[in-house]
Amino acid sequence: MTRLLYIEGSPRKKRSSSTEVAHAYLSAYRKKYPGDEIETLDLWAKEMPEFDEDVIDSKHAILRGQRHTEAQHRAWKPIEEMIANFKQADRYLFSVPMWNFCIPYKLKHYFDIIVQPSYTFAFSQTEGYKGLVTGKPVVVIYSRAGAYSPGTGFEAFDFQKTYMDTLLPFIGFTEIYSVLIEHTSSVEMKEEAVKQAIGEAVKLVV
């Protein structure tokens, strides 16, 4: 059974433009693929492990090729479980609002957990970095209060899409589809932007 993992990055629920468009995508997806499994990971309802000293020590043990101690094994287990949950998906959907020109801290926390050597990427002296999450499509729905697309003059402030466009290929994604919702600070412009984004997102259900 094909499994789609939807990662929800906004806490605003029904008031969130990125969530609204993502839900429209999911509705169209369910109609087209009624037998597929869809899992929603609400980052604001999910308790995620902190990167405390024990977890950092566990990661460094992996980097040094050392076996985990019992304490390190216990600390690292929740990290492995979240990575496994992520990698088990066949398709991905992210809803990502812009916060202070970047992504919400909960989404950054999630990536800090799942982007790990030997799990989602590898490194060798001959090949350099190599992503390990391959052959899977991902759709990313972005919302931002202003406009930061090329040509607006504010491209340099966009650490939201540029972050995702850097990180996703780093862990192996090559089939990346983006939908932008801009000018959400204006009620009238937001309605038109959301409507247009929904049309674009639904077309990506193939």
N, C-alpha and C. Protein backbone atom coordinates (compact mmCIF):
# COMPACT_ATOMS: atom_id res chain seq x y z
N MET A 1 0.83 -1.20 0.00
CA MET A 1 0.00 0.00 0.00
C MET A 1 0.87 1.25 0.00
N THR A 2 0.58 2.18 -0.88
CA THR A 2 1.31 3.44 -0.94
C THR A 2 0.96 4.30 0.28
N ARG A 3 1.97 4.91 0.86
CA ARG A 3 1.78 5.72 2.07
C ARG A 3 2.25 7.15 1.83
N LEU A 4 1.36 8.09 2.06
CA LEU A 4 1.69 9.51 1.95
C LEU A 4 1.82 10.08 3.35
N LEU A 5 2.92 10.74 3.60
CA LEU A 5 3.14 11.39 4.90
C LEU A 5 2.98 12.89 4.73
N TYR A 6 1.99 13.45 5.42
CA TYR A 6 1.76 14.89 5.39
C TYR A 6 2.31 15.51 6.67
N ILE A 7 3.25 16.41 6.53
CA ILE A 7 3.89 17.06 7.67
C ILE A 7 3.39 18.50 7.74
N GLU A 8 2.62 18.79 8.79
CA GLU A 8 1.95 20.07 8.93
C GLU A 8 2.79 21.01 9.77
N GLY A 9 3.22 22.12 9.16
CA GLY A 9 4.16 23.01 9.84
C GLY A 9 3.56 24.22 10.51
N SER A 10 2.24 24.43 10.37
CA SER A 10 1.62 25.61 10.97
C SER A 10 0.73 25.23 12.16
N PRO A 11 0.75 26.04 13.23
CA PRO A 11 -0.14 25.79 14.36
C PRO A 11 -1.49 26.48 14.21
N ARG A 12 -1.72 27.20 13.10
CA ARG A 12 -2.90 28.05 12.98
C ARG A 12 -4.13 27.31 12.45
N LYS A 13 -3.97 26.05 12.09
CA LYS A 13 -5.09 25.20 11.67
C LYS A 13 -5.94 25.86 10.58
N LYS A 14 -7.22 26.12 10.85
CA LYS A 14 -8.12 26.63 9.82
C LYS A 14 -7.77 28.04 9.36
N ARG A 15 -6.95 28.75 10.11
CA ARG A 15 -6.55 30.10 9.70
C ARG A 15 -5.27 30.10 8.88
N SER A 16 -4.71 28.92 8.66
CA SER A 16 -3.44 28.80 7.95
C SER A 16 -3.65 28.61 6.45
N SER A 17 -3.03 29.46 5.66
CA SER A 17 -3.14 29.34 4.20
C SER A 17 -2.44 28.08 3.70
N SER A 18 -1.25 27.80 4.24
CA SER A 18 -0.52 26.63 3.77
C SER A 18 -1.27 25.34 4.12
N THR A 19 -1.90 25.32 5.30
CA THR A 19 -2.69 24.15 5.69
C THR A 19 -3.92 24.00 4.81
N GLU A 20 -4.58 25.11 4.51
CA GLU A 20 -5.78 25.06 3.67
C GLU A 20 -5.46 24.47 2.30
N VAL A 21 -4.38 24.91 1.71
CA VAL A 21 -4.01 24.40 0.38
C VAL A 21 -3.56 22.94 0.48
N ALA A 22 -2.85 22.61 1.53
CA ALA A 22 -2.42 21.22 1.72
C ALA A 22 -3.62 20.30 1.87
N HIS A 23 -4.65 20.74 2.60
CA HIS A 23 -5.85 19.92 2.77
C HIS A 23 -6.60 19.75 1.45
N ALA A 24 -6.57 20.78 0.60
CA ALA A 24 -7.19 20.66 -0.72
C ALA A 24 -6.45 19.61 -1.55
N TYR A 25 -5.13 19.61 -1.44
CA TYR A 25 -4.32 18.59 -2.12
C TYR A 25 -4.69 17.20 -1.61
N LEU A 26 -4.80 17.06 -0.30
CA LEU A 26 -5.12 15.76 0.29
C LEU A 26 -6.51 15.28 -0.12
N SER A 27 -7.46 16.21 -0.20
CA SER A 27 -8.81 15.85 -0.63
C SER A 27 -8.81 15.30 -2.05
N ALA A 28 -8.07 15.97 -2.93
CA ALA A 28 -7.97 15.50 -4.32
C ALA A 28 -7.22 14.18 -4.38
N TYR A 29 -6.23 14.03 -3.50
CA TYR A 29 -5.44 12.79 -3.48
C TYR A 29 -6.30 11.61 -3.05
N ARG A 30 -7.13 11.81 -2.03
CA ARG A 30 -8.00 10.74 -1.54
C ARG A 30 -8.97 10.27 -2.62
N LYS A 31 -9.47 11.22 -3.40
CA LYS A 31 -10.40 10.87 -4.47
C LYS A 31 -9.71 10.05 -5.56
N LYS A 32 -8.47 10.41 -5.85
CA LYS A 32 -7.74 9.72 -6.92
C LYS A 32 -7.17 8.39 -6.45
N TYR A 33 -6.73 8.34 -5.18
CA TYR A 33 -6.10 7.13 -4.64
C TYR A 33 -6.80 6.73 -3.33
N PRO A 34 -8.03 6.28 -3.39
CA PRO A 34 -8.78 5.97 -2.16
C PRO A 34 -8.17 4.84 -1.34
N GLY A 35 -7.35 4.01 -1.95
CA GLY A 35 -6.77 2.89 -1.22
C GLY A 35 -5.45 3.21 -0.54
N ASP A 36 -4.91 4.40 -0.79
CA ASP A 36 -3.63 4.77 -0.19
C ASP A 36 -3.79 5.18 1.27
N GLU A 37 -2.74 5.01 2.01
CA GLU A 37 -2.71 5.43 3.41
C GLU A 37 -2.17 6.85 3.50
N ILE A 38 -2.84 7.70 4.27
CA ILE A 38 -2.38 9.07 4.50
C ILE A 38 -2.17 9.26 5.99
N GLU A 39 -0.96 9.63 6.36
CA GLU A 39 -0.66 9.92 7.77
C GLU A 39 -0.36 11.40 7.91
N THR A 40 -1.01 12.05 8.85
CA THR A 40 -0.74 13.46 9.14
C THR A 40 0.14 13.56 10.37
N LEU A 41 1.26 14.24 10.22
CA LEU A 41 2.15 14.49 11.35
C LEU A 41 2.05 15.98 11.69
N ASP A 42 1.26 16.28 12.70
CA ASP A 42 1.10 17.65 13.17
C ASP A 42 2.25 17.94 14.13
N LEU A 43 3.20 18.75 13.66
CA LEU A 43 4.39 19.00 14.46
C LEU A 43 4.09 19.74 15.76
N TRP A 44 2.92 20.38 15.84
CA TRP A 44 2.56 21.13 17.03
C TRP A 44 1.83 20.27 18.06
N ALA A 45 1.51 19.03 17.66
CA ALA A 45 0.87 18.10 18.58
C ALA A 45 1.80 16.93 18.89
N LYS A 46 2.93 16.87 18.21
CA LYS A 46 3.87 15.77 18.36
C LYS A 46 4.95 16.12 19.38
N GLU A 47 5.16 15.25 20.33
CA GLU A 47 6.26 15.43 21.28
C GLU A 47 7.53 14.89 20.63
N MET A 48 8.46 15.76 20.38
CA MET A 48 9.69 15.36 19.70
C MET A 48 10.86 15.36 20.68
N PRO A 49 11.77 14.40 20.53
CA PRO A 49 12.91 14.33 21.45
C PRO A 49 13.81 15.55 21.33
N GLU A 50 14.30 16.02 22.46
CA GLU A 50 15.23 17.15 22.47
C GLU A 50 16.65 16.67 22.16
N PHE A 51 17.42 17.55 21.58
CA PHE A 51 18.82 17.22 21.33
C PHE A 51 19.65 17.65 22.53
N ASP A 52 19.55 16.85 23.58
CA ASP A 52 20.31 17.15 24.79
C ASP A 52 21.68 16.48 24.71
N GLU A 53 22.41 16.50 25.80
CA GLU A 53 23.78 15.97 25.80
C GLU A 53 23.82 14.49 25.45
N ASP A 54 22.87 13.71 25.97
CA ASP A 54 22.88 12.27 25.70
C ASP A 54 22.65 11.98 24.22
N VAL A 55 21.73 12.71 23.61
CA VAL A 55 21.45 12.50 22.19
C VAL A 55 22.64 12.92 21.34
N ILE A 56 23.25 14.06 21.67
CA ILE A 56 24.43 14.51 20.92
C ILE A 56 25.56 13.50 21.05
N ASP A 57 25.78 12.98 22.25
CA ASP A 57 26.82 11.97 22.45
C ASP A 57 26.53 10.72 21.62
N SER A 58 25.25 10.36 21.53
CA SER A 58 24.86 9.20 20.73
C SER A 58 25.17 9.43 19.25
N LYS A 59 24.88 10.63 18.77
CA LYS A 59 25.17 10.96 17.37
C LYS A 59 26.66 10.93 17.11
N HIS A 60 27.44 11.48 18.01
CA HIS A 60 28.89 11.50 17.82
C HIS A 60 29.48 10.09 17.86
N ALA A 61 28.87 9.23 18.63
CA ALA A 61 29.32 7.83 18.65
C ALA A 61 29.13 7.21 17.27
N ILE A 62 28.02 7.51 16.62
CA ILE A 62 27.78 7.01 15.26
C ILE A 62 28.81 7.58 14.30
N LEU A 63 29.09 8.87 14.41
CA LEU A 63 30.05 9.52 13.53
C LEU A 63 31.45 8.92 13.69
N ARG A 64 31.77 8.48 14.91
CA ARG A 64 33.09 7.89 15.17
C ARG A 64 33.11 6.39 14.94
N GLY A 65 31.96 5.82 14.55
CA GLY A 65 31.91 4.39 14.30
C GLY A 65 31.94 3.57 15.57
N GLN A 66 31.51 4.13 16.69
CA GLN A 66 31.52 3.44 17.97
C GLN A 66 30.15 2.86 18.29
N ARG A 67 30.15 1.79 19.07
CA ARG A 67 28.89 1.19 19.53
C ARG A 67 28.29 2.08 20.62
N HIS A 68 26.98 2.13 20.62
CA HIS A 68 26.29 2.90 21.66
C HIS A 68 26.38 2.20 23.01
N THR A 69 26.53 2.99 24.04
CA THR A 69 26.37 2.47 25.39
C THR A 69 24.87 2.25 25.61
N GLU A 70 24.51 1.63 26.70
CA GLU A 70 23.10 1.40 26.99
C GLU A 70 22.35 2.73 27.12
N ALA A 71 22.98 3.70 27.77
CA ALA A 71 22.35 5.01 27.94
C ALA A 71 22.19 5.71 26.59
N GLN A 72 23.20 5.60 25.75
CA GLN A 72 23.12 6.21 24.42
C GLN A 72 22.07 5.53 23.56
N HIS A 73 21.95 4.23 23.70
CA HIS A 73 20.94 3.49 22.95
C HIS A 73 19.54 3.97 23.33
N ARG A 74 19.31 4.15 24.62
CA ARG A 74 18.00 4.63 25.08
C ARG A 74 17.74 6.05 24.57
N ALA A 75 18.76 6.88 24.58
CA ALA A 75 18.60 8.27 24.14
C ALA A 75 18.35 8.35 22.63
N TRP A 76 18.97 7.44 21.89
CA TRP A 76 18.90 7.49 20.42
C TRP A 76 17.66 6.80 19.86
N LYS A 77 17.06 5.94 20.61
CA LYS A 77 15.91 5.16 20.10
C LYS A 77 14.78 6.04 19.58
N PRO A 78 14.34 7.09 20.31
CA PRO A 78 13.26 7.94 19.78
C PRO A 78 13.64 8.63 18.47
N ILE A 79 14.92 8.94 18.31
CA ILE A 79 15.41 9.54 17.05
C ILE A 79 15.23 8.53 15.92
N GLU A 80 15.66 7.30 16.16
CA GLU A 80 15.55 6.25 15.14
C GLU A 80 14.09 5.99 14.77
N GLU A 81 13.22 6.05 15.75
CA GLU A 81 11.80 5.79 15.48
C GLU A 81 11.20 6.86 14.58
N MET A 82 11.57 8.12 14.80
CA MET A 82 11.05 9.20 13.97
C MET A 82 11.65 9.13 12.56
N ILE A 83 12.91 8.77 12.46
CA ILE A 83 13.53 8.61 11.15
C ILE A 83 12.86 7.48 10.38
N ALA A 84 12.61 6.38 11.06
CA ALA A 84 11.96 5.22 10.41
C ALA A 84 10.57 5.59 9.91
N ASN A 85 9.83 6.32 10.74
CA ASN A 85 8.49 6.75 10.34
C ASN A 85 8.56 7.61 9.08
N PHE A 86 9.54 8.49 9.02
CA PHE A 86 9.70 9.35 7.85
C PHE A 86 10.07 8.54 6.61
N LYS A 87 11.02 7.65 6.74
CA LYS A 87 11.52 6.92 5.58
C LYS A 87 10.54 5.87 5.06
N GLN A 88 9.60 5.46 5.88
CA GLN A 88 8.63 4.44 5.45
C GLN A 88 7.59 4.98 4.46
N ALA A 89 7.52 6.29 4.33
CA ALA A 89 6.54 6.89 3.41
C ALA A 89 7.01 6.72 1.96
N ASP A 90 6.04 6.73 1.05
CA ASP A 90 6.32 6.66 -0.39
C ASP A 90 6.18 8.02 -1.06
N ARG A 91 5.37 8.89 -0.46
CA ARG A 91 5.15 10.24 -0.96
C ARG A 91 5.11 11.19 0.23
N TYR A 92 5.41 12.46 -0.04
CA TYR A 92 5.47 13.43 1.06
C TYR A 92 4.76 14.73 0.68
N LEU A 93 4.18 15.35 1.69
CA LEU A 93 3.55 16.66 1.55
C LEU A 93 3.92 17.49 2.77
N PHE A 94 4.44 18.69 2.52
CA PHE A 94 4.77 19.62 3.61
C PHE A 94 3.94 20.89 3.45
N SER A 95 3.41 21.41 4.55
CA SER A 95 2.84 22.76 4.55
C SER A 95 3.76 23.62 5.41
N VAL A 96 4.28 24.69 4.80
CA VAL A 96 5.36 25.45 5.44
C VAL A 96 5.08 26.95 5.40
N PRO A 97 4.65 27.53 6.51
CA PRO A 97 4.53 29.00 6.56
C PRO A 97 5.90 29.63 6.77
N MET A 98 6.03 30.88 6.37
CA MET A 98 7.28 31.60 6.61
C MET A 98 7.22 32.28 7.97
N TRP A 99 8.25 32.03 8.78
CA TRP A 99 8.39 32.69 10.08
C TRP A 99 9.73 33.40 10.10
N ASN A 100 9.72 34.72 10.24
CA ASN A 100 10.96 35.48 10.28
C ASN A 100 11.89 35.12 9.12
N PHE A 101 11.30 35.06 7.94
CA PHE A 101 12.00 34.79 6.69
C PHE A 101 12.44 33.34 6.53
N CYS A 102 12.15 32.49 7.51
CA CYS A 102 12.59 31.10 7.44
C CYS A 102 11.42 30.17 7.74
N ILE A 103 11.70 28.96 8.21
CA ILE A 103 10.67 27.98 8.51
C ILE A 103 10.37 28.00 10.01
N PRO A 104 9.20 27.52 10.42
CA PRO A 104 8.89 27.46 11.86
C PRO A 104 9.88 26.60 12.62
N TYR A 105 10.13 26.96 13.87
CA TYR A 105 11.13 26.24 14.66
C TYR A 105 10.76 24.78 14.88
N LYS A 106 9.49 24.46 14.89
CA LYS A 106 9.08 23.06 15.06
C LYS A 106 9.51 22.23 13.86
N LEU A 107 9.40 22.79 12.67
CA LEU A 107 9.84 22.07 11.47
C LEU A 107 11.35 21.94 11.46
N LYS A 108 12.06 22.99 11.88
CA LYS A 108 13.52 22.91 11.97
C LYS A 108 13.92 21.82 12.97
N HIS A 109 13.21 21.74 14.10
CA HIS A 109 13.46 20.70 15.09
C HIS A 109 13.28 19.32 14.47
N TYR A 110 12.22 19.17 13.70
CA TYR A 110 11.95 17.88 13.05
C TYR A 110 13.09 17.50 12.11
N PHE A 111 13.56 18.44 11.32
CA PHE A 111 14.66 18.14 10.41
C PHE A 111 15.94 17.83 11.16
N ASP A 112 16.16 18.53 12.28
CA ASP A 112 17.35 18.24 13.09
C ASP A 112 17.32 16.81 13.61
N ILE A 113 16.14 16.26 13.76
CA ILE A 113 16.00 14.88 14.22
C ILE A 113 16.23 13.89 13.09
N ILE A 114 15.60 14.11 11.94
CA ILE A 114 15.62 13.08 10.90
C ILE A 114 16.82 13.16 9.96
N VAL A 115 17.48 14.30 9.88
CA VAL A 115 18.63 14.42 8.98
C VAL A 115 19.87 13.95 9.73
N GLN A 116 20.17 12.66 9.58
CA GLN A 116 21.25 12.03 10.33
C GLN A 116 22.11 11.16 9.43
N PRO A 117 23.42 11.14 9.68
CA PRO A 117 24.33 10.32 8.88
C PRO A 117 24.01 8.84 9.02
N SER A 118 24.09 8.15 7.90
CA SER A 118 23.82 6.71 7.76
C SER A 118 22.33 6.38 7.76
N TYR A 119 21.48 7.35 8.03
CA TYR A 119 20.03 7.15 8.02
C TYR A 119 19.39 7.85 6.81
N THR A 120 19.61 9.14 6.70
CA THR A 120 19.02 9.88 5.57
C THR A 120 20.08 10.47 4.64
N PHE A 121 21.34 10.40 5.03
CA PHE A 121 22.43 10.77 4.12
C PHE A 121 23.70 10.03 4.53
N ALA A 122 24.61 9.93 3.57
CA ALA A 122 25.89 9.28 3.82
C ALA A 122 27.02 10.17 3.31
N PHE A 123 28.22 9.90 3.75
CA PHE A 123 29.38 10.65 3.28
C PHE A 123 30.56 9.71 3.08
N SER A 124 31.26 9.90 1.98
CA SER A 124 32.51 9.17 1.75
C SER A 124 33.50 10.12 1.08
N GLN A 125 34.77 9.82 1.22
CA GLN A 125 35.81 10.66 0.63
C GLN A 125 35.74 10.63 -0.90
N THR A 126 35.26 9.53 -1.46
CA THR A 126 35.21 9.40 -2.92
C THR A 126 33.95 10.03 -3.52
N GLU A 127 32.80 9.86 -2.85
CA GLU A 127 31.53 10.36 -3.40
C GLU A 127 31.04 11.64 -2.76
N GLY A 128 31.60 12.00 -1.62
CA GLY A 128 31.09 13.15 -0.90
C GLY A 128 29.77 12.82 -0.22
N TYR A 129 28.87 13.79 -0.14
CA TYR A 129 27.57 13.57 0.48
C TYR A 129 26.62 12.89 -0.50
N LYS A 130 25.81 11.98 0.03
CA LYS A 130 24.86 11.24 -0.80
C LYS A 130 23.56 11.07 -0.02
N GLY A 131 22.44 11.56 -0.60
CA GLY A 131 21.15 11.40 0.05
C GLY A 131 20.66 9.97 -0.02
N LEU A 132 19.97 9.52 1.01
CA LEU A 132 19.51 8.13 1.09
C LEU A 132 18.00 7.98 0.97
N VAL A 133 17.27 9.11 0.92
CA VAL A 133 15.81 9.05 0.74
C VAL A 133 15.55 9.36 -0.74
N THR A 134 15.50 8.31 -1.55
CA THR A 134 15.49 8.50 -3.00
C THR A 134 14.24 7.89 -3.65
N GLY A 135 13.95 8.38 -4.86
CA GLY A 135 12.86 7.82 -5.65
C GLY A 135 11.48 8.13 -5.14
N LYS A 136 11.34 9.20 -4.37
CA LYS A 136 10.05 9.54 -3.76
C LYS A 136 9.71 11.00 -4.04
N PRO A 137 8.48 11.28 -4.50
CA PRO A 137 8.09 12.66 -4.77
C PRO A 137 7.70 13.41 -3.50
N VAL A 138 7.91 14.72 -3.51
CA VAL A 138 7.53 15.55 -2.38
C VAL A 138 6.91 16.84 -2.91
N VAL A 139 5.81 17.24 -2.29
CA VAL A 139 5.13 18.49 -2.61
C VAL A 139 5.26 19.40 -1.39
N VAL A 140 5.67 20.64 -1.63
CA VAL A 140 5.84 21.60 -0.54
C VAL A 140 4.95 22.81 -0.80
N ILE A 141 4.07 23.09 0.15
CA ILE A 141 3.18 24.24 0.07
C ILE A 141 3.75 25.35 0.95
N TYR A 142 4.12 26.48 0.34
CA TYR A 142 4.70 27.61 1.08
C TYR A 142 3.71 28.75 1.19
N SER A 143 3.64 29.38 2.35
CA SER A 143 2.86 30.60 2.49
C SER A 143 3.74 31.66 3.12
N ARG A 144 3.55 32.90 2.66
CA ARG A 144 4.31 34.01 3.22
C ARG A 144 3.50 35.29 3.11
N ALA A 145 3.66 36.19 4.09
CA ALA A 145 2.86 37.41 4.15
C ALA A 145 3.15 38.34 2.98
N GLY A 146 4.42 38.36 2.55
CA GLY A 146 4.81 39.22 1.45
C GLY A 146 5.17 38.42 0.22
N ALA A 147 5.95 39.02 -0.67
CA ALA A 147 6.40 38.36 -1.89
C ALA A 147 7.92 38.34 -1.90
N TYR A 148 8.47 37.15 -2.07
CA TYR A 148 9.92 36.98 -2.03
C TYR A 148 10.45 36.22 -3.24
N SER A 149 9.61 36.05 -4.24
CA SER A 149 10.00 35.32 -5.44
C SER A 149 11.00 36.12 -6.26
N PRO A 150 11.75 35.47 -7.15
CA PRO A 150 12.68 36.19 -8.02
C PRO A 150 11.99 37.32 -8.77
N GLY A 151 12.63 38.48 -8.74
CA GLY A 151 12.06 39.64 -9.42
C GLY A 151 11.36 40.61 -8.48
N THR A 152 11.11 40.20 -7.25
CA THR A 152 10.41 41.08 -6.30
C THR A 152 11.37 42.07 -5.63
N GLY A 153 12.65 41.75 -5.66
CA GLY A 153 13.62 42.58 -4.96
C GLY A 153 13.87 42.15 -3.54
N PHE A 154 13.11 41.14 -3.07
CA PHE A 154 13.26 40.66 -1.70
C PHE A 154 13.71 39.19 -1.65
N GLU A 155 14.28 38.73 -2.77
CA GLU A 155 14.72 37.32 -2.84
C GLU A 155 15.71 36.98 -1.73
N ALA A 156 16.56 37.92 -1.37
CA ALA A 156 17.62 37.65 -0.40
C ALA A 156 17.08 37.37 0.99
N PHE A 157 15.80 37.74 1.24
CA PHE A 157 15.20 37.50 2.55
C PHE A 157 14.55 36.12 2.65
N ASP A 158 14.50 35.40 1.56
CA ASP A 158 13.79 34.11 1.54
C ASP A 158 14.71 32.99 2.01
N PHE A 159 14.64 32.68 3.29
CA PHE A 159 15.35 31.53 3.84
C PHE A 159 14.37 30.39 4.12
N GLN A 160 13.16 30.54 3.64
CA GLN A 160 12.11 29.53 3.79
C GLN A 160 12.21 28.50 2.67
N LYS A 161 11.93 28.94 1.45
CA LYS A 161 12.00 28.02 0.30
C LYS A 161 13.44 27.60 0.01
N THR A 162 14.37 28.54 0.16
CA THR A 162 15.76 28.19 -0.12
C THR A 162 16.27 27.13 0.85
N TYR A 163 15.79 27.18 2.09
CA TYR A 163 16.19 26.15 3.07
C TYR A 163 15.67 24.78 2.62
N MET A 164 14.40 24.72 2.26
CA MET A 164 13.81 23.45 1.84
C MET A 164 14.44 22.96 0.54
N ASP A 165 14.74 23.89 -0.36
CA ASP A 165 15.34 23.52 -1.64
C ASP A 165 16.78 23.04 -1.47
N THR A 166 17.39 23.35 -0.35
CA THR A 166 18.74 22.86 -0.05
C THR A 166 18.68 21.53 0.70
N LEU A 167 17.82 21.48 1.71
CA LEU A 167 17.79 20.30 2.58
C LEU A 167 17.20 19.07 1.90
N LEU A 168 16.09 19.23 1.18
CA LEU A 168 15.44 18.06 0.58
C LEU A 168 16.35 17.33 -0.42
N PRO A 169 17.01 18.03 -1.35
CA PRO A 169 17.95 17.31 -2.22
C PRO A 169 19.12 16.71 -1.45
N PHE A 170 19.53 17.36 -0.36
CA PHE A 170 20.65 16.84 0.43
C PHE A 170 20.36 15.43 0.95
N ILE A 171 19.09 15.17 1.32
CA ILE A 171 18.78 13.83 1.82
C ILE A 171 18.23 12.91 0.72
N GLY A 172 18.28 13.37 -0.54
CA GLY A 172 18.00 12.45 -1.63
C GLY A 172 16.85 12.78 -2.55
N PHE A 173 16.03 13.76 -2.19
CA PHE A 173 14.87 14.07 -3.03
C PHE A 173 15.28 14.77 -4.32
N THR A 174 14.74 14.30 -5.42
CA THR A 174 14.97 14.94 -6.71
C THR A 174 13.66 15.38 -7.36
N GLU A 175 12.56 14.74 -6.99
CA GLU A 175 11.25 15.08 -7.55
C GLU A 175 10.52 15.98 -6.55
N ILE A 176 10.79 17.28 -6.65
CA ILE A 176 10.29 18.26 -5.68
C ILE A 176 9.35 19.24 -6.39
N TYR A 177 8.14 19.36 -5.86
CA TYR A 177 7.14 20.27 -6.45
C TYR A 177 6.77 21.34 -5.42
N SER A 178 6.81 22.58 -5.84
CA SER A 178 6.56 23.70 -4.93
C SER A 178 5.32 24.49 -5.34
N VAL A 179 4.55 24.90 -4.34
CA VAL A 179 3.39 25.77 -4.55
C VAL A 179 3.53 26.96 -3.61
N LEU A 180 3.50 28.17 -4.17
CA LEU A 180 3.69 29.39 -3.38
C LEU A 180 2.38 30.13 -3.14
N ILE A 181 2.18 30.55 -1.91
CA ILE A 181 1.06 31.42 -1.56
C ILE A 181 1.67 32.70 -0.99
N GLU A 182 1.55 33.79 -1.71
CA GLU A 182 2.16 35.04 -1.26
C GLU A 182 1.11 36.11 -0.99
N HIS A 183 1.53 37.17 -0.29
CA HIS A 183 0.67 38.31 0.05
C HIS A 183 -0.47 37.89 0.98
N THR A 184 -0.21 36.99 1.92
CA THR A 184 -1.28 36.55 2.81
C THR A 184 -1.65 37.60 3.86
N SER A 185 -0.88 38.68 3.96
CA SER A 185 -1.21 39.73 4.92
C SER A 185 -2.37 40.59 4.44
N SER A 186 -2.66 40.51 3.14
CA SER A 186 -3.78 41.25 2.58
C SER A 186 -4.96 40.30 2.40
N VAL A 187 -6.11 40.61 3.00
CA VAL A 187 -7.27 39.71 2.93
C VAL A 187 -7.67 39.44 1.48
N GLU A 188 -7.75 40.50 0.67
CA GLU A 188 -8.19 40.31 -0.71
C GLU A 188 -7.17 39.54 -1.52
N MET A 189 -5.90 39.88 -1.38
CA MET A 189 -4.85 39.21 -2.14
C MET A 189 -4.68 37.77 -1.66
N LYS A 190 -4.89 37.56 -0.36
CA LYS A 190 -4.77 36.21 0.19
C LYS A 190 -5.81 35.27 -0.42
N GLU A 191 -7.04 35.71 -0.52
CA GLU A 191 -8.10 34.86 -1.08
C GLU A 191 -7.76 34.43 -2.50
N GLU A 192 -7.30 35.36 -3.31
CA GLU A 192 -6.95 35.04 -4.69
C GLU A 192 -5.72 34.12 -4.74
N ALA A 193 -4.74 34.40 -3.86
CA ALA A 193 -3.52 33.60 -3.84
C ALA A 193 -3.80 32.16 -3.42
N VAL A 194 -4.68 32.00 -2.41
CA VAL A 194 -5.04 30.65 -1.96
C VAL A 194 -5.80 29.91 -3.05
N LYS A 195 -6.71 30.59 -3.69
CA LYS A 195 -7.48 29.97 -4.78
C LYS A 195 -6.55 29.49 -5.89
N GLN A 196 -5.62 30.33 -6.28
CA GLN A 196 -4.68 29.96 -7.33
C GLN A 196 -3.79 28.81 -6.89
N ALA A 197 -3.34 28.85 -5.63
CA ALA A 197 -2.46 27.79 -5.10
C ALA A 197 -3.20 26.45 -5.04
N ILE A 198 -4.48 26.47 -4.68
CA ILE A 198 -5.25 25.23 -4.64
C ILE A 198 -5.32 24.62 -6.03
N GLY A 199 -5.55 25.46 -7.03
CA GLY A 199 -5.57 24.97 -8.41
C GLY A 199 -4.26 24.33 -8.81
N GLU A 200 -3.15 24.95 -8.42
CA GLU A 200 -1.82 24.41 -8.73
C GLU A 200 -1.57 23.10 -7.98
N ALA A 201 -1.96 23.09 -6.71
CA ALA A 201 -1.71 21.90 -5.88
C ALA A 201 -2.49 20.70 -6.37
N VAL A 202 -3.76 20.89 -6.71
CA VAL A 202 -4.59 19.79 -7.18
C VAL A 202 -4.02 19.18 -8.46
N LYS A 203 -3.44 20.01 -9.31
CA LYS A 203 -2.86 19.51 -10.55
C LYS A 203 -1.64 18.61 -10.29
N LEU A 204 -1.07 18.73 -9.11
CA LEU A 204 0.10 17.92 -8.77
C LEU A 204 -0.28 16.51 -8.31
N VAL A 205 -1.57 16.27 -8.13
CA VAL A 205 -2.03 14.92 -7.75
C VAL A 205 -2.07 14.07 -9.04
N VAL A 206 -0.99 13.36 -9.27
CA VAL A 206 -0.88 12.56 -10.49
C VAL A 206 -0.54 11.12 -10.16
